[in-house]
Amino acid sequence: MDDPILQPVQDIKTDATCDFPLFQNSNLTAIATFGGVNLVGVPDMDVTCAVTFELQTNIGDSVTNPFSLVGSFIYTKDTGNANVGLAK
């Protein structure tokens, strides 16, 4: 994750109603090491294009959950904690 803590952008609101502060977003990256018995390991391979991320935190329904995940980008409209993993 580019930035594990998504902070509000000071004094900037998300819409004309000014109800929600604008928060930072972050890009997720999946890194793998390939190898095996009697094979040379190849570490730190970026496999982001080959995986699908999913929110694994049960924070509530889609109306109250402040987090959204689009591809490899995570967004929020409020404070809280989110767990992101690889989809099965």
C-alpha atoms as a PDB file:
ATOM      1  CA  MET A   1       0.000   0.000   0.000  1.00  0.00           C
ATOM      2  CA  ASP A   2       1.456   3.358  -0.957  1.00  0.00           C
ATOM      3  CA  ASP A   3       0.136   4.990   2.219  1.00  0.00           C
ATOM      4  CA  PRO A   4      -1.366   2.850   5.012  1.00  0.00           C
ATOM      5  CA  ILE A   5      -3.029   5.830   6.734  1.00  0.00           C
ATOM      6  CA  LEU A   6      -5.524   7.816   4.668  1.00  0.00           C
ATOM      7  CA  GLN A   7      -5.806  11.294   6.162  1.00  0.00           C
ATOM      8  CA  PRO A   8      -8.411  13.971   5.442  1.00  0.00           C
ATOM      9  CA  VAL A   9      -7.230  16.667   3.069  1.00  0.00           C
ATOM     10  CA  GLN A  10      -7.408  19.797   5.217  1.00  0.00           C
ATOM     11  CA  ASP A  11     -10.454  22.017   4.661  1.00  0.00           C
ATOM     12  CA  ILE A  12     -11.474  20.401   1.355  1.00  0.00           C
ATOM     13  CA  LYS A  13     -14.915  18.808   1.104  1.00  0.00           C
ATOM     14  CA  THR A  14     -16.098  16.082  -1.285  1.00  0.00           C
ATOM     15  CA  ASP A  15     -19.184  17.760  -2.656  1.00  0.00           C
ATOM     16  CA  ALA A  16     -21.221  20.960  -2.732  1.00  0.00           C
ATOM     17  CA  THR A  17     -23.011  20.076   0.534  1.00  0.00           C
ATOM     18  CA  CYS A  18     -19.669  20.089   2.381  1.00  0.00           C
ATOM     19  CA  ASP A  19     -20.853  17.091   4.436  1.00  0.00           C
ATOM     20  CA  PHE A  20     -17.724  14.962   4.110  1.00  0.00           C
ATOM     21  CA  PRO A  21     -14.051  15.902   4.149  1.00  0.00           C
ATOM     22  CA  LEU A  22     -12.020  14.758   1.185  1.00  0.00           C
ATOM     23  CA  PHE A  23      -9.659  11.918   2.150  1.00  0.00           C
ATOM     24  CA  GLN A  24      -6.487  10.679   0.527  1.00  0.00           C
ATOM     25  CA  ASN A  25      -6.603   7.435  -1.461  1.00  0.00           C
ATOM     26  CA  SER A  26      -3.923   4.802  -1.863  1.00  0.00           C
ATOM     27  CA  ASN A  27      -2.745   2.292  -4.424  1.00  0.00           C
ATOM     28  CA  LEU A  28      -2.400  -1.375  -3.422  1.00  0.00           C
ATOM     29  CA  THR A  29       0.412  -3.568  -4.728  1.00  0.00           C
ATOM     30  CA  ALA A  30       0.785  -7.369  -4.572  1.00  0.00           C
ATOM     31  CA  ILE A  31       4.373  -8.619  -4.288  1.00  0.00           C
ATOM     32  CA  ALA A  32       5.330 -12.317  -4.593  1.00  0.00           C
ATOM     33  CA  THR A  33       8.429 -14.477  -4.421  1.00  0.00           C
ATOM     34  CA  PHE A  34       8.687 -17.342  -6.911  1.00  0.00           C
ATOM     35  CA  GLY A  35      10.863 -20.389  -6.366  1.00  0.00           C
ATOM     36  CA  GLY A  36      10.832 -23.854  -4.916  1.00  0.00           C
ATOM     37  CA  VAL A  37      12.951 -26.835  -3.983  1.00  0.00           C
ATOM     38  CA  ASN A  38      16.210 -26.756  -5.980  1.00  0.00           C
ATOM     39  CA  LEU A  39      15.117 -23.533  -7.707  1.00  0.00           C
ATOM     40  CA  VAL A  40      16.575 -20.099  -7.366  1.00  0.00           C
ATOM     41  CA  GLY A  41      14.060 -17.784  -5.715  1.00  0.00           C
ATOM     42  CA  VAL A  42      12.962 -14.684  -7.576  1.00  0.00           C
ATOM     43  CA  PRO A  43      11.894 -12.175  -4.895  1.00  0.00           C
ATOM     44  CA  ASP A  44       9.824  -9.015  -5.023  1.00  0.00           C
ATOM     45  CA  MET A  45       7.886  -9.653  -8.228  1.00  0.00           C
ATOM     46  CA  ASP A  46       4.994  -7.230  -8.733  1.00  0.00           C
ATOM     47  CA  VAL A  47       1.949  -9.418  -9.481  1.00  0.00           C
ATOM     48  CA  THR A  48      -0.688  -6.713  -8.975  1.00  0.00           C
ATOM     49  CA  CYS A  49      -2.044  -7.220 -12.505  1.00  0.00           C
ATOM     50  CA  ALA A  50      -2.625 -10.932 -11.809  1.00  0.00           C
ATOM     51  CA  VAL A  51      -4.658 -10.623  -8.591  1.00  0.00           C
ATOM     52  CA  THR A  52      -7.955  -9.179  -7.414  1.00  0.00           C
ATOM     53  CA  PHE A  53      -8.180  -7.338  -4.113  1.00  0.00           C
ATOM     54  CA  GLU A  54     -11.218  -7.368  -1.827  1.00  0.00           C
ATOM     55  CA  LEU A  55     -12.277  -5.596   1.333  1.00  0.00           C
ATOM     56  CA  GLN A  56     -12.334  -8.170   4.122  1.00  0.00           C
ATOM     57  CA  THR A  57     -13.644  -5.892   6.849  1.00  0.00           C
ATOM     58  CA  ASN A  58     -17.308  -6.237   7.761  1.00  0.00           C
ATOM     59  CA  ILE A  59     -17.895  -2.590   8.670  1.00  0.00           C
ATOM     60  CA  GLY A  60     -21.547  -2.441   7.693  1.00  0.00           C
ATOM     61  CA  ASP A  61     -23.659  -2.263   4.609  1.00  0.00           C
ATOM     62  CA  SER A  62     -22.641  -0.307   1.525  1.00  0.00           C
ATOM     63  CA  VAL A  63     -24.408   2.793   2.852  1.00  0.00           C
ATOM     64  CA  THR A  64     -22.439   2.996   6.133  1.00  0.00           C
ATOM     65  CA  ASN A  65     -19.146   1.421   5.004  1.00  0.00           C
ATOM     66  CA  PRO A  66     -16.772   4.361   4.412  1.00  0.00           C
ATOM     67  CA  PHE A  67     -14.347   2.340   2.275  1.00  0.00           C
ATOM     68  CA  SER A  68     -14.502   1.509  -1.399  1.00  0.00           C
ATOM     69  CA  LEU A  69     -12.107  -0.498  -3.503  1.00  0.00           C
ATOM     70  CA  VAL A  70     -11.787   0.043  -7.249  1.00  0.00           C
ATOM     71  CA  GLY A  71      -9.204  -2.212  -8.845  1.00  0.00           C
ATOM     72  CA  SER A  72      -6.056  -1.604  -6.842  1.00  0.00           C
ATOM     73  CA  PHE A  73      -7.140   1.766  -5.400  1.00  0.00           C
ATOM     74  CA  ILE A  74      -8.732   2.132  -1.961  1.00  0.00           C
ATOM     75  CA  TYR A  75     -10.793   5.195  -1.053  1.00  0.00           C
ATOM     76  CA  THR A  76     -12.520   6.330   2.124  1.00  0.00           C
ATOM     77  CA  LYS A  77     -14.990   9.021   3.108  1.00  0.00           C
ATOM     78  CA  ASP A  78     -14.518   8.673   6.867  1.00  0.00           C
ATOM     79  CA  THR A  79     -12.147   7.376   9.521  1.00  0.00           C
ATOM     80  CA  GLY A  80     -11.890   3.689  10.413  1.00  0.00           C
ATOM     81  CA  ASN A  81      -9.918   0.527   9.749  1.00  0.00           C
ATOM     82  CA  ALA A  82     -10.116  -1.690   6.691  1.00  0.00           C
ATOM     83  CA  ASN A  83      -8.599  -5.086   5.983  1.00  0.00           C
ATOM     84  CA  VAL A  84      -7.806  -5.758   2.355  1.00  0.00           C
ATOM     85  CA  GLY A  85      -6.851  -9.177   1.042  1.00  0.00           C
ATOM     86  CA  LEU A  86      -6.701 -11.184  -2.116  1.00  0.00           C
ATOM     87  CA  ALA A  87     -10.002 -12.438  -3.510  1.00  0.00           C
ATOM     88  CA  LYS A  88     -10.423 -16.200  -3.591  1.00  0.00           C
END
